[in-house]
Amino acid sequence: MTKIKSITWMTALSLLSTVNAAALECNGLQNAASSELVSYLRKSIPNQGNAECVAFAINRGAALLRAEVRSYGRTENAVKRAAG
C-alpha cells in the first residue's frame, strides 16, 4: 500500500512538472481567466505543435473550475449556517 502511494505521488509530481514546463512555452495562458482558456481552446485545433498548450489550458481550466466549485460550496454552507 505504501509503495502504491509513493508511485502515485511520484507520478503526480512528474505530471505537474510537465504542466509547468508547458506553461513556460504557452505565454499568455499562465494567468488567463477561465473564459480566456475556453476561448483559446475554441479557437485552437489540437495538433502536435500546440499539444502542450492545449493540455495546459485544459488542466488550468479544470483547476480554476474546481476552485470555483469549492468556493461556491463554502458560500452555500455559510448562507445555510447564517439562516439556520
Protein backbone atom coordinates (compact mmCIF):
# COMPACT_ATOMS: atom_id res chain seq x y z
CA MET A 1 0.00 0.00 0.00
CA THR A 2 2.80 2.45 0.87
CA LYS A 3 4.59 1.61 -2.38
CA ILE A 4 1.43 2.39 -4.36
CA LYS A 5 1.07 5.75 -2.59
CA SER A 6 4.71 6.58 -3.35
CA ILE A 7 4.31 5.71 -7.01
CA THR A 8 1.10 7.73 -7.19
CA TRP A 9 2.78 10.79 -5.67
CA MET A 10 5.80 10.50 -7.95
CA THR A 11 3.53 10.25 -10.99
CA ALA A 12 1.51 13.27 -9.87
CA LEU A 13 4.65 15.33 -9.31
CA SER A 14 6.07 14.41 -12.70
CA LEU A 15 2.78 15.43 -14.35
CA LEU A 16 2.83 18.76 -12.52
CA SER A 17 6.36 19.46 -13.67
CA THR A 18 5.30 18.66 -17.24
CA VAL A 19 2.38 21.06 -16.94
CA ASN A 20 4.66 23.76 -15.52
CA ALA A 21 7.12 23.27 -18.39
CA ALA A 22 4.26 23.58 -20.85
CA ALA A 23 3.16 26.77 -19.14
CA LEU A 24 6.52 28.36 -19.86
CA GLU A 25 6.01 27.70 -23.57
CA CYS A 26 2.41 28.94 -23.57
CA ASN A 27 2.82 32.61 -22.77
CA GLY A 28 -0.48 34.31 -22.24
CA LEU A 29 -2.20 31.26 -20.82
CA GLN A 30 -0.39 31.19 -17.49
CA ASN A 31 -2.51 33.88 -15.86
CA ALA A 32 -5.54 33.57 -18.10
CA ALA A 33 -9.04 33.56 -16.67
CA SER A 34 -11.23 30.55 -17.31
CA SER A 35 -13.12 32.41 -20.05
CA GLU A 36 -9.83 33.15 -21.85
CA LEU A 37 -8.82 29.50 -21.62
CA VAL A 38 -12.14 28.41 -23.08
CA SER A 39 -11.74 30.95 -25.87
CA TYR A 40 -8.23 29.64 -26.62
CA LEU A 41 -9.50 26.07 -26.74
CA ARG A 42 -12.39 27.01 -29.05
CA LYS A 43 -10.01 28.70 -31.49
CA SER A 44 -7.29 26.05 -31.40
CA ILE A 45 -7.26 22.92 -33.48
CA PRO A 46 -5.20 20.46 -31.42
CA ASN A 47 -2.08 19.20 -33.16
CA GLN A 48 1.44 18.20 -32.22
CA GLY A 49 2.63 21.79 -32.40
CA ASN A 50 0.22 23.11 -29.78
CA ALA A 51 -0.47 19.94 -27.79
CA GLU A 52 1.33 21.17 -24.67
CA CYS A 53 -0.55 24.47 -24.67
CA VAL A 54 -3.90 22.77 -25.26
CA ALA A 55 -3.19 20.34 -22.41
CA PHE A 56 -2.12 23.22 -20.19
CA ALA A 57 -5.31 25.16 -20.99
CA ILE A 58 -7.47 22.12 -20.22
CA ASN A 59 -5.68 21.36 -16.94
CA ARG A 60 -5.59 25.00 -15.83
CA GLY A 61 -9.25 25.45 -16.71
CA ALA A 62 -10.17 22.36 -14.71
CA ALA A 63 -8.20 23.62 -11.72
CA LEU A 64 -9.95 27.01 -11.88
CA LEU A 65 -13.33 25.31 -12.14
CA ARG A 66 -12.60 23.10 -9.12
CA ALA A 67 -11.61 26.18 -7.12
CA GLU A 68 -14.82 27.97 -8.13
CA VAL A 69 -16.94 24.97 -7.16
CA ARG A 70 -15.23 24.71 -3.76
CA SER A 71 -15.72 28.42 -3.20
CA TYR A 72 -19.39 28.15 -4.14
CA GLY A 73 -19.84 25.23 -1.73
CA ARG A 74 -18.30 27.23 1.11
CA THR A 75 -20.57 30.18 0.32
CA GLU A 76 -23.66 27.95 0.26
CA ASN A 77 -22.70 26.40 3.62
CA ALA A 78 -22.11 29.83 5.17
CA VAL A 79 -25.53 31.03 3.99
CA LYS A 80 -27.20 27.91 5.42
CA ARG A 81 -25.43 28.37 8.77
CA ALA A 82 -26.40 32.02 8.94
CA ALA A 83 -30.03 31.21 8.10
CA GLY A 84 -30.16 28.23 10.44
